[in-house]
Amino acid sequence: MSKYGSRRTVVDGIRFDSQAEARRYGELRLLEAAGSIFDLKLQVEYQVHIKGQHICSYLADFVYFDREKGEWVIEDVKGVRTQVYRLKKRLVEAIYGITITEVPA
């Protein structure tokens, strides 16, 4: 068990850090099978560099293309929003010009 009470879970041979993340993966797989989304990717890394210096990395839980919205969606399943997470989220959104959607655990 982690310090925030989440339990690691394995689905389709993939280890997830929490049951909530595994559950969301299952939902996204169903949406992908129905054709609502495509190109589902897990654990996509975004690098934060400022003035040529590596500051940090952000790991998005899921990235996929939503056909209805006509755009890429970056999701993070969150139970606890730590200060470090909130800072990384703001940096990545500012640098890459994206919006990270938080899915409650």
PDB file of N, CA and C in Angstrom:
ATOM      1  N   MET A   1       0.829  -1.182   0.000  1.00  0.00           N
ATOM      2  CA  MET A   1       0.000   0.000   0.000  1.00  0.00           C
ATOM      3  C   MET A   1       0.879   1.253   0.000  1.00  0.00           C
ATOM      4  N   SER A   2       0.445   2.280  -0.718  1.00  0.00           N
ATOM      5  CA  SER A   2       1.231   3.508  -0.774  1.00  0.00           C
ATOM      6  C   SER A   2       0.919   4.398   0.428  1.00  0.00           C
ATOM      7  N   LYS A   3       1.649   5.498   0.526  1.00  0.00           N
ATOM      8  CA  LYS A   3       1.430   6.378   1.667  1.00  0.00           C
ATOM      9  C   LYS A   3       0.094   7.108   1.588  1.00  0.00           C
ATOM     10  N   TYR A   4      -0.543   7.105   0.410  1.00  0.00           N
ATOM     11  CA  TYR A   4      -1.853   7.742   0.268  1.00  0.00           C
ATOM     12  C   TYR A   4      -2.991   6.730   0.270  1.00  0.00           C
ATOM     13  N   GLY A   5      -2.691   5.472   0.554  1.00  0.00           N
ATOM     14  CA  GLY A   5      -3.729   4.459   0.697  1.00  0.00           C
ATOM     15  C   GLY A   5      -4.157   3.766  -0.587  1.00  0.00           C
ATOM     16  N   SER A   6      -3.485   4.016  -1.694  1.00  0.00           N
ATOM     17  CA  SER A   6      -3.868   3.360  -2.947  1.00  0.00           C
ATOM     18  C   SER A   6      -3.258   1.960  -3.008  1.00  0.00           C
ATOM     19  N   ARG A   7      -3.933   1.082  -3.731  1.00  0.00           N
ATOM     20  CA  ARG A   7      -3.462  -0.296  -3.892  1.00  0.00           C
ATOM     21  C   ARG A   7      -3.087  -0.544  -5.350  1.00  0.00           C
ATOM     22  N   ARG A   8      -1.893  -1.076  -5.542  1.00  0.00           N
ATOM     23  CA  ARG A   8      -1.480  -1.412  -6.909  1.00  0.00           C
ATOM     24  C   ARG A   8      -2.379  -2.520  -7.433  1.00  0.00           C
ATOM     25  N   THR A   9      -2.722  -2.413  -8.717  1.00  0.00           N
ATOM     26  CA  THR A   9      -3.656  -3.345  -9.341  1.00  0.00           C
ATOM     27  C   THR A   9      -3.135  -3.700 -10.724  1.00  0.00           C
ATOM     28  N   VAL A  10      -3.318  -4.957 -11.132  1.00  0.00           N
ATOM     29  CA  VAL A  10      -2.895  -5.409 -12.456  1.00  0.00           C
ATOM     30  C   VAL A  10      -4.126  -5.713 -13.300  1.00  0.00           C
ATOM     31  N   VAL A  11      -4.170  -5.116 -14.500  1.00  0.00           N
ATOM     32  CA  VAL A  11      -5.245  -5.349 -15.464  1.00  0.00           C
ATOM     33  C   VAL A  11      -4.590  -5.541 -16.824  1.00  0.00           C
ATOM     34  N   ASP A  12      -4.980  -6.579 -17.547  1.00  0.00           N
ATOM     35  CA  ASP A  12      -4.411  -6.876 -18.873  1.00  0.00           C
ATOM     36  C   ASP A  12      -2.888  -6.951 -18.836  1.00  0.00           C
ATOM     37  N   GLY A  13      -2.340  -7.406 -17.714  1.00  0.00           N
ATOM     38  CA  GLY A  13      -0.895  -7.515 -17.578  1.00  0.00           C
ATOM     39  C   GLY A  13      -0.194  -6.189 -17.330  1.00  0.00           C
ATOM     40  N   ILE A  14      -0.966  -5.125 -17.107  1.00  0.00           N
ATOM     41  CA  ILE A  14      -0.413  -3.799 -16.867  1.00  0.00           C
ATOM     42  C   ILE A  14      -0.585  -3.467 -15.393  1.00  0.00           C
ATOM     43  N   ARG A  15       0.485  -3.045 -14.746  1.00  0.00           N
ATOM     44  CA  ARG A  15       0.413  -2.692 -13.322  1.00  0.00           C
ATOM     45  C   ARG A  15       0.076  -1.210 -13.179  1.00  0.00           C
ATOM     46  N   PHE A  16      -0.994  -0.938 -12.452  1.00  0.00           N
ATOM     47  CA  PHE A  16      -1.433   0.434 -12.185  1.00  0.00           C
ATOM     48  C   PHE A  16      -1.150   0.775 -10.735  1.00  0.00           C
ATOM     49  N   ASP A  17      -0.891   2.050 -10.473  1.00  0.00           N
ATOM     50  CA  ASP A  17      -0.561   2.494  -9.123  1.00  0.00           C
ATOM     51  C   ASP A  17      -1.763   2.509  -8.187  1.00  0.00           C
ATOM     52  N   SER A  18      -2.974   2.488  -8.749  1.00  0.00           N
ATOM     53  CA  SER A  18      -4.171   2.510  -7.902  1.00  0.00           C
ATOM     54  C   SER A  18      -5.317   1.767  -8.580  1.00  0.00           C
ATOM     55  N   GLN A  19      -6.296   1.389  -7.778  1.00  0.00           N
ATOM     56  CA  GLN A  19      -7.495   0.749  -8.319  1.00  0.00           C
ATOM     57  C   GLN A  19      -8.280   1.734  -9.169  1.00  0.00           C
ATOM     58  N   ALA A  20      -8.282   3.002  -8.788  1.00  0.00           N
ATOM     59  CA  ALA A  20      -8.991   4.021  -9.553  1.00  0.00           C
ATOM     60  C   ALA A  20      -8.391   4.167 -10.950  1.00  0.00           C
ATOM     61  N   GLU A  21      -7.070   4.138 -11.037  1.00  0.00           N
ATOM     62  CA  GLU A  21      -6.398   4.240 -12.328  1.00  0.00           C
ATOM     63  C   GLU A  21      -6.715   3.008 -13.191  1.00  0.00           C
ATOM     64  N   ALA A  22      -6.731   1.839 -12.588  1.00  0.00           N
ATOM     65  CA  ALA A  22      -7.073   0.603 -13.310  1.00  0.00           C
ATOM     66  C   ALA A  22      -8.516   0.644 -13.792  1.00  0.00           C
ATOM     67  N   ARG A  23      -9.406   1.160 -12.957  1.00  0.00           N
ATOM     68  CA  ARG A  23     -10.822   1.269 -13.327  1.00  0.00           C
ATOM     69  C   ARG A  23     -10.981   2.227 -14.515  1.00  0.00           C
ATOM     70  N   ARG A  24     -10.281   3.357 -14.477  1.00  0.00           N
ATOM     71  CA  ARG A  24     -10.364   4.320 -15.582  1.00  0.00           C
ATOM     72  C   ARG A  24      -9.813   3.716 -16.863  1.00  0.00           C
ATOM     73  N   TYR A  25      -8.772   2.924 -16.756  1.00  0.00           N
ATOM     74  CA  TYR A  25      -8.221   2.235 -17.916  1.00  0.00           C
ATOM     75  C   TYR A  25      -9.293   1.346 -18.550  1.00  0.00           C
ATOM     76  N   GLY A  26     -10.021   0.608 -17.721  1.00  0.00           N
ATOM     77  CA  GLY A  26     -11.098  -0.243 -18.226  1.00  0.00           C
ATOM     78  C   GLY A  26     -12.165   0.558 -18.951  1.00  0.00           C
ATOM     79  N   GLU A  27     -12.527   1.713 -18.393  1.00  0.00           N
ATOM     80  CA  GLU A  27     -13.523   2.581 -19.036  1.00  0.00           C
ATOM     81  C   GLU A  27     -13.021   3.079 -20.381  1.00  0.00           C
ATOM     82  N   LEU A  28     -11.758   3.493 -20.425  1.00  0.00           N
ATOM     83  CA  LEU A  28     -11.185   4.002 -21.674  1.00  0.00           C
ATOM     84  C   LEU A  28     -11.072   2.907 -22.728  1.00  0.00           C
ATOM     85  N   ARG A  29     -10.760   1.685 -22.316  1.00  0.00           N
ATOM     86  CA  ARG A  29     -10.703   0.563 -23.266  1.00  0.00           C
ATOM     87  C   ARG A  29     -12.077   0.313 -23.890  1.00  0.00           C
ATOM     88  N   LEU A  30     -13.144   0.441 -23.078  1.00  0.00           N
ATOM     89  CA  LEU A  30     -14.500   0.286 -23.606  1.00  0.00           C
ATOM     90  C   LEU A  30     -14.830   1.395 -24.601  1.00  0.00           C
ATOM     91  N   LEU A  31     -14.444   2.622 -24.279  1.00  0.00           N
ATOM     92  CA  LEU A  31     -14.670   3.738 -25.204  1.00  0.00           C
ATOM     93  C   LEU A  31     -13.888   3.550 -26.498  1.00  0.00           C
ATOM     94  N   GLU A  32     -12.695   2.998 -26.374  1.00  0.00           N
ATOM     95  CA  GLU A  32     -11.869   2.733 -27.558  1.00  0.00           C
ATOM     96  C   GLU A  32     -12.512   1.643 -28.419  1.00  0.00           C
ATOM     97  N   ALA A  33     -13.019   0.601 -27.779  1.00  0.00           N
ATOM     98  CA  ALA A  33     -13.682  -0.491 -28.515  1.00  0.00           C
ATOM     99  C   ALA A  33     -14.946   0.010 -29.214  1.00  0.00           C
ATOM    100  N   ALA A  34     -15.630   0.984 -28.607  1.00  0.00           N
ATOM    101  CA  ALA A  34     -16.849   1.545 -29.191  1.00  0.00           C
ATOM    102  C   ALA A  34     -16.543   2.561 -30.295  1.00  0.00           C
ATOM    103  N   GLY A  35     -15.279   2.958 -30.408  1.00  0.00           N
ATOM    104  CA  GLY A  35     -14.885   3.900 -31.448  1.00  0.00           C
ATOM    105  C   GLY A  35     -14.994   5.360 -31.040  1.00  0.00           C
ATOM    106  N   SER A  36     -15.301   5.626 -29.779  1.00  0.00           N
ATOM    107  CA  SER A  36     -15.424   7.009 -29.312  1.00  0.00           C
ATOM    108  C   SER A  36     -14.068   7.691 -29.177  1.00  0.00           C
ATOM    109  N   ILE A  37     -13.056   6.895 -28.827  1.00  0.00           N
ATOM    110  CA  ILE A  37     -11.700   7.408 -28.721  1.00  0.00           C
ATOM    111  C   ILE A  37     -10.774   6.466 -29.479  1.00  0.00           C
ATOM    112  N   PHE A  38      -9.558   6.949 -29.779  1.00  0.00           N
ATOM    113  CA  PHE A  38      -8.559   6.048 -30.360  1.00  0.00           C
ATOM    114  C   PHE A  38      -7.168   6.495 -29.960  1.00  0.00           C
ATOM    115  N   ASP A  39      -6.225   5.618 -30.234  1.00  0.00           N
ATOM    116  CA  ASP A  39      -4.805   5.848 -29.948  1.00  0.00           C
ATOM    117  C   ASP A  39      -4.562   6.082 -28.455  1.00  0.00           C
ATOM    118  N   LEU A  40      -5.151   5.222 -27.618  1.00  0.00           N
ATOM    119  CA  LEU A  40      -4.982   5.301 -26.166  1.00  0.00           C
ATOM    120  C   LEU A  40      -3.539   4.957 -25.801  1.00  0.00           C
ATOM    121  N   LYS A  41      -2.911   5.864 -25.064  1.00  0.00           N
ATOM    122  CA  LYS A  41      -1.539   5.665 -24.602  1.00  0.00           C
ATOM    123  C   LYS A  41      -1.513   5.790 -23.091  1.00  0.00           C
ATOM    124  N   LEU A  42      -0.647   5.016 -22.463  1.00  0.00           N
ATOM    125  CA  LEU A  42      -0.509   5.038 -21.009  1.00  0.00           C
ATOM    126  C   LEU A  42       0.857   5.580 -20.625  1.00  0.00           C
ATOM    127  N   GLN A  43       0.900   6.292 -19.511  1.00  0.00           N
ATOM    128  CA  GLN A  43       2.141   6.778 -18.929  1.00  0.00           C
ATOM    129  C   GLN A  43       2.987   7.565 -19.941  1.00  0.00           C
ATOM    130  N   VAL A  44       2.402   8.614 -20.483  1.00  0.00           N
ATOM    131  CA  VAL A  44       3.094   9.466 -21.447  1.00  0.00           C
ATOM    132  C   VAL A  44       3.889  10.524 -20.681  1.00  0.00           C
ATOM    133  N   GLU A  45       5.169  10.615 -21.001  1.00  0.00           N
ATOM    134  CA  GLU A  45       6.064  11.519 -20.275  1.00  0.00           C
ATOM    135  C   GLU A  45       6.205  12.859 -20.988  1.00  0.00           C
ATOM    136  N   TYR A  46       6.106  13.929 -20.217  1.00  0.00           N
ATOM    137  CA  TYR A  46       6.331  15.284 -20.699  1.00  0.00           C
ATOM    138  C   TYR A  46       7.533  15.846 -19.949  1.00  0.00           C
ATOM    139  N   GLN A  47       8.499  16.344 -20.700  1.00  0.00           N
ATOM    140  CA  GLN A  47       9.709  16.918 -20.110  1.00  0.00           C
ATOM    141  C   GLN A  47       9.532  18.425 -19.955  1.00  0.00           C
ATOM    142  N   VAL A  48       9.970  18.947 -18.833  1.00  0.00           N
ATOM    143  CA  VAL A  48       9.918  20.384 -18.596  1.00  0.00           C
ATOM    144  C   VAL A  48      11.351  20.914 -18.619  1.00  0.00           C
ATOM    145  N   HIS A  49      11.635  21.712 -19.652  1.00  0.00           N
ATOM    146  CA  HIS A  49      12.936  22.357 -19.802  1.00  0.00           C
ATOM    147  C   HIS A  49      12.710  23.855 -19.841  1.00  0.00           C
ATOM    148  N   ILE A  50      13.492  24.583 -19.074  1.00  0.00           N
ATOM    149  CA  ILE A  50      13.407  26.037 -19.085  1.00  0.00           C
ATOM    150  C   ILE A  50      14.816  26.578 -19.283  1.00  0.00           C
ATOM    151  N   LYS A  51      14.961  27.397 -20.329  1.00  0.00           N
ATOM    152  CA  LYS A  51      16.257  27.974 -20.701  1.00  0.00           C
ATOM    153  C   LYS A  51      17.318  26.887 -20.840  1.00  0.00           C
ATOM    154  N   GLY A  52      16.931  25.775 -21.460  1.00  0.00           N
ATOM    155  CA  GLY A  52      17.857  24.685 -21.717  1.00  0.00           C
ATOM    156  C   GLY A  52      18.160  23.795 -20.530  1.00  0.00           C
ATOM    157  N   GLN A  53      17.544  24.074 -19.399  1.00  0.00           N
ATOM    158  CA  GLN A  53      17.800  23.272 -18.205  1.00  0.00           C
ATOM    159  C   GLN A  53      16.610  22.367 -17.914  1.00  0.00           C
ATOM    160  N   HIS A  54      16.915  21.082 -17.658  1.00  0.00           N
ATOM    161  CA  HIS A  54      15.859  20.132 -17.304  1.00  0.00           C
ATOM    162  C   HIS A  54      15.385  20.430 -15.887  1.00  0.00           C
ATOM    163  N   ILE A  55      14.083  20.708 -15.749  1.00  0.00           N
ATOM    164  CA  ILE A  55      13.509  21.038 -14.449  1.00  0.00           C
ATOM    165  C   ILE A  55      12.854  19.809 -13.826  1.00  0.00           C
ATOM    166  N   CYS A  56      12.010  19.139 -14.603  1.00  0.00           N
ATOM    167  CA  CYS A  56      11.315  17.960 -14.087  1.00  0.00           C
ATOM    168  C   CYS A  56      10.649  17.211 -15.234  1.00  0.00           C
ATOM    169  N   SER A  57      10.051  16.082 -14.904  1.00  0.00           N
ATOM    170  CA  SER A  57       9.259  15.305 -15.851  1.00  0.00           C
ATOM    171  C   SER A  57       7.875  15.134 -15.256  1.00  0.00           C
ATOM    172  N   TYR A  58       6.875  15.092 -16.124  1.00  0.00           N
ATOM    173  CA  TYR A  58       5.502  14.838 -15.701  1.00  0.00           C
ATOM    174  C   TYR A  58       5.020  13.604 -16.452  1.00  0.00           C
ATOM    175  N   LEU A  59       4.410  12.677 -15.740  1.00  0.00           N
ATOM    176  CA  LEU A  59       3.931  11.436 -16.332  1.00  0.00           C
ATOM    177  C   LEU A  59       2.405  11.436 -16.315  1.00  0.00           C
ATOM    178  N   ALA A  60       1.802  11.606 -17.491  1.00  0.00           N
ATOM    179  CA  ALA A  60       0.343  11.591 -17.605  1.00  0.00           C
ATOM    180  C   ALA A  60      -0.131  10.148 -17.575  1.00  0.00           C
ATOM    181  N   ASP A  61      -1.226   9.884 -16.867  1.00  0.00           N
ATOM    182  CA  ASP A  61      -1.748   8.520 -16.794  1.00  0.00           C
ATOM    183  C   ASP A  61      -2.235   8.035 -18.151  1.00  0.00           C
ATOM    184  N   PHE A  62      -3.019   8.876 -18.849  1.00  0.00           N
ATOM    185  CA  PHE A  62      -3.603   8.474 -20.131  1.00  0.00           C
ATOM    186  C   PHE A  62      -3.604   9.642 -21.110  1.00  0.00           C
ATOM    187  N   VAL A  63      -3.359   9.319 -22.377  1.00  0.00           N
ATOM    188  CA  VAL A  63      -3.484  10.279 -23.465  1.00  0.00           C
ATOM    189  C   VAL A  63      -4.218   9.555 -24.586  1.00  0.00           C
ATOM    190  N   TYR A  64      -5.230  10.216 -25.159  1.00  0.00           N
ATOM    191  CA  TYR A  64      -6.002   9.614 -26.241  1.00  0.00           C
ATOM    192  C   TYR A  64      -6.661  10.708 -27.074  1.00  0.00           C
ATOM    193  N   PHE A  65      -7.118  10.315 -28.267  1.00  0.00           N
ATOM    194  CA  PHE A  65      -7.825  11.254 -29.128  1.00  0.00           C
ATOM    195  C   PHE A  65      -9.313  11.008 -28.987  1.00  0.00           C
ATOM    196  N   ASP A  66     -10.059  12.053 -28.634  1.00  0.00           N
ATOM    197  CA  ASP A  66     -11.509  11.981 -28.473  1.00  0.00           C
ATOM    198  C   ASP A  66     -12.159  12.399 -29.792  1.00  0.00           C
ATOM    199  N   ARG A  67     -12.844  11.470 -30.440  1.00  0.00           N
ATOM    200  CA  ARG A  67     -13.454  11.753 -31.751  1.00  0.00           C
ATOM    201  C   ARG A  67     -14.535  12.834 -31.660  1.00  0.00           C
ATOM    202  N   GLU A  68     -15.344  12.800 -30.609  1.00  0.00           N
ATOM    203  CA  GLU A  68     -16.437  13.766 -30.475  1.00  0.00           C
ATOM    204  C   GLU A  68     -15.905  15.184 -30.304  1.00  0.00           C
ATOM    205  N   LYS A  69     -14.895  15.341 -29.453  1.00  0.00           N
ATOM    206  CA  LYS A  69     -14.300  16.661 -29.223  1.00  0.00           C
ATOM    207  C   LYS A  69     -13.370  17.065 -30.357  1.00  0.00           C
ATOM    208  N   GLY A  70     -12.836  16.061 -31.056  1.00  0.00           N
ATOM    209  CA  GLY A  70     -11.890  16.340 -32.120  1.00  0.00           C
ATOM    210  C   GLY A  70     -10.550  16.826 -31.616  1.00  0.00           C
ATOM    211  N   GLU A  71     -10.150  16.331 -30.436  1.00  0.00           N
ATOM    212  CA  GLU A  71      -8.881  16.785 -29.856  1.00  0.00           C
ATOM    213  C   GLU A  71      -8.275  15.705 -28.965  1.00  0.00           C
ATOM    214  N   TRP A  72      -6.987  15.917 -28.675  1.00  0.00           N
ATOM    215  CA  TRP A  72      -6.275  15.035 -27.761  1.00  0.00           C
ATOM    216  C   TRP A  72      -6.677  15.355 -26.332  1.00  0.00           C
ATOM    217  N   VAL A  73      -6.777  14.332 -25.509  1.00  0.00           N
ATOM    218  CA  VAL A  73      -7.125  14.484 -24.098  1.00  0.00           C
ATOM    219  C   VAL A  73      -5.977  13.897 -23.266  1.00  0.00           C
ATOM    220  N   ILE A  74      -5.538  14.659 -22.276  1.00  0.00           N
ATOM    221  CA  ILE A  74      -4.509  14.204 -21.350  1.00  0.00           C
ATOM    222  C   ILE A  74      -5.192  14.067 -19.992  1.00  0.00           C
ATOM    223  N   GLU A  75      -5.151  12.863 -19.414  1.00  0.00           N
ATOM    224  CA  GLU A  75      -5.841  12.607 -18.158  1.00  0.00           C
ATOM    225  C   GLU A  75      -4.884  12.161 -17.068  1.00  0.00           C
ATOM    226  N   ASP A  76      -5.222  12.569 -15.860  1.00  0.00           N
ATOM    227  CA  ASP A  76      -4.508  12.113 -14.689  1.00  0.00           C
ATOM    228  C   ASP A  76      -5.537  11.728 -13.641  1.00  0.00           C
ATOM    229  N   VAL A  77      -5.474  10.494 -13.168  1.00  0.00           N
ATOM    230  CA  VAL A  77      -6.375  10.026 -12.118  1.00  0.00           C
ATOM    231  C   VAL A  77      -5.765  10.463 -10.793  1.00  0.00           C
ATOM    232  N   LYS A  78      -6.527  11.248 -10.031  1.00  0.00           N
ATOM    233  CA  LYS A  78      -5.973  11.846  -8.816  1.00  0.00           C
ATOM    234  C   LYS A  78      -6.845  11.580  -7.607  1.00  0.00           C
ATOM    235  N   GLY A  79      -6.207  11.102  -6.565  1.00  0.00           N
ATOM    236  CA  GLY A  79      -6.841  10.984  -5.267  1.00  0.00           C
ATOM    237  C   GLY A  79      -6.369  12.137  -4.397  1.00  0.00           C
ATOM    238  N   VAL A  80      -5.050  12.335  -4.363  1.00  0.00           N
ATOM    239  CA  VAL A  80      -4.439  13.399  -3.565  1.00  0.00           C
ATOM    240  C   VAL A  80      -3.664  14.314  -4.506  1.00  0.00           C
ATOM    241  N   ARG A  81      -3.991  15.599  -4.467  1.00  0.00           N
ATOM    242  CA  ARG A  81      -3.310  16.592  -5.307  1.00  0.00           C
ATOM    243  C   ARG A  81      -2.195  17.243  -4.485  1.00  0.00           C
ATOM    244  N   THR A  82      -1.004  16.681  -4.577  1.00  0.00           N
ATOM    245  CA  THR A  82       0.130  17.204  -3.806  1.00  0.00           C
ATOM    246  C   THR A  82       0.597  18.532  -4.400  1.00  0.00           C
ATOM    247  N   GLN A  83       1.385  19.256  -3.624  1.00  0.00           N
ATOM    248  CA  GLN A  83       1.941  20.518  -4.115  1.00  0.00           C
ATOM    249  C   GLN A  83       2.833  20.292  -5.330  1.00  0.00           C
ATOM    250  N   VAL A  84       3.614  19.232  -5.293  1.00  0.00           N
ATOM    251  CA  VAL A  84       4.512  18.927  -6.414  1.00  0.00           C
ATOM    252  C   VAL A  84       3.690  18.637  -7.672  1.00  0.00           C
ATOM    253  N   TYR A  85       2.620  17.844  -7.538  1.00  0.00           N
ATOM    254  CA  TYR A  85       1.764  17.539  -8.687  1.00  0.00           C
ATOM    255  C   TYR A  85       1.169  18.831  -9.258  1.00  0.00           C
ATOM    256  N   ARG A  86       0.638  19.690  -8.385  1.00  0.00           N
ATOM    257  CA  ARG A  86      -0.006  20.919  -8.862  1.00  0.00           C
ATOM    258  C   ARG A  86       0.987  21.811  -9.607  1.00  0.00           C
ATOM    259  N   LEU A  87       2.220  21.870  -9.115  1.00  0.00           N
ATOM    260  CA  LEU A  87       3.253  22.662  -9.781  1.00  0.00           C
ATOM    261  C   LEU A  87       3.606  22.067 -11.144  1.00  0.00           C
ATOM    262  N   LYS A  88       3.843  20.760 -11.192  1.00  0.00           N
ATOM    263  CA  LYS A  88       4.179  20.108 -12.463  1.00  0.00           C
ATOM    264  C   LYS A  88       3.047  20.276 -13.474  1.00  0.00           C
ATOM    265  N   LYS A  89       1.814  20.140 -13.014  1.00  0.00           N
ATOM    266  CA  LYS A  89       0.659  20.292 -13.901  1.00  0.00           C
ATOM    267  C   LYS A  89       0.643  21.685 -14.518  1.00  0.00           C
ATOM    268  N   ARG A  90       0.832  22.704 -13.704  1.00  0.00           N
ATOM    269  CA  ARG A  90       0.828  24.079 -14.212  1.00  0.00           C
ATOM    270  C   ARG A  90       1.978  24.325 -15.187  1.00  0.00           C
ATOM    271  N   LEU A  91       3.158  23.792 -14.876  1.00  0.00           N
ATOM    272  CA  LEU A  91       4.304  23.953 -15.777  1.00  0.00           C
ATOM    273  C   LEU A  91       4.040  23.300 -17.128  1.00  0.00           C
ATOM    274  N   VAL A  92       3.562  22.055 -17.112  1.00  0.00           N
ATOM    275  CA  VAL A  92       3.320  21.326 -18.356  1.00  0.00           C
ATOM    276  C   VAL A  92       2.224  22.014 -19.172  1.00  0.00           C
ATOM    277  N   GLU A  93       1.159  22.430 -18.519  1.00  0.00           N
ATOM    278  CA  GLU A  93       0.078  23.108 -19.240  1.00  0.00           C
ATOM    279  C   GLU A  93       0.582  24.398 -19.883  1.00  0.00           C
ATOM    280  N   ALA A  94       1.416  25.152 -19.177  1.00  0.00           N
ATOM    281  CA  ALA A  94       1.936  26.415 -19.709  1.00  0.00           C
ATOM    282  C   ALA A  94       2.920  26.189 -20.854  1.00  0.00           C
ATOM    283  N   ILE A  95       3.824  25.248 -20.688  1.00  0.00           N
ATOM    284  CA  ILE A  95       4.862  25.020 -21.690  1.00  0.00           C
ATOM    285  C   ILE A  95       4.303  24.372 -22.960  1.00  0.00           C
ATOM    286  N   TYR A  96       3.437  23.369 -22.799  1.00  0.00           N
ATOM    287  CA  TYR A  96       2.920  22.626 -23.946  1.00  0.00           C
ATOM    288  C   TYR A  96       1.601  23.192 -24.485  1.00  0.00           C
ATOM    289  N   GLY A  97       0.988  24.132 -23.774  1.00  0.00           N
ATOM    290  CA  GLY A  97      -0.271  24.707 -24.235  1.00  0.00           C
ATOM    291  C   GLY A  97      -1.406  23.696 -24.228  1.00  0.00           C
ATOM    292  N   ILE A  98      -1.423  22.832 -23.226  1.00  0.00           N
ATOM    293  CA  ILE A  98      -2.435  21.777 -23.123  1.00  0.00           C
ATOM    294  C   ILE A  98      -3.213  21.937 -21.819  1.00  0.00           C
ATOM    295  N   THR A  99      -4.292  21.183 -21.703  1.00  0.00           N
ATOM    296  CA  THR A  99      -5.057  21.123 -20.462  1.00  0.00           C
ATOM    297  C   THR A  99      -5.036  19.688 -19.969  1.00  0.00           C
ATOM    298  N   ILE A 100      -4.678  19.501 -18.726  1.00  0.00           N
ATOM    299  CA  ILE A 100      -4.674  18.178 -18.126  1.00  0.00           C
ATOM    300  C   ILE A 100      -5.987  17.998 -17.382  1.00  0.00           C
ATOM    301  N   THR A 101      -6.722  16.975 -17.755  1.00  0.00           N
ATOM    302  CA  THR A 101      -8.004  16.682 -17.130  1.00  0.00           C
ATOM    303  C   THR A 101      -7.766  15.769 -15.932  1.00  0.00           C
ATOM    304  N   GLU A 102      -8.252  16.204 -14.784  1.00  0.00           N
ATOM    305  CA  GLU A 102      -8.116  15.392 -13.586  1.00  0.00           C
ATOM    306  C   GLU A 102      -9.372  14.534 -13.401  1.00  0.00           C
ATOM    307  N   VAL A 103      -9.165  13.234 -13.265  1.00  0.00           N
ATOM    308  CA  VAL A 103     -10.258  12.300 -13.017  1.00  0.00           C
ATOM    309  C   VAL A 103     -10.202  11.929 -11.542  1.00  0.00           C
ATOM    310  N   PRO A 104     -11.277  12.214 -10.782  1.00  0.00           N
ATOM    311  CA  PRO A 104     -11.246  11.898  -9.358  1.00  0.00           C
ATOM    312  C   PRO A 104     -11.141  10.400  -9.102  1.00  0.00           C
ATOM    313  N   ALA A 105     -10.378  10.037  -8.087  1.00  0.00           N
ATOM    314  CA  ALA A 105     -10.195   8.634  -7.740  1.00  0.00           C
ATOM    315  C   ALA A 105     -11.451   8.073  -7.110  1.00  0.00           C
TER     316      ALA A 105
END
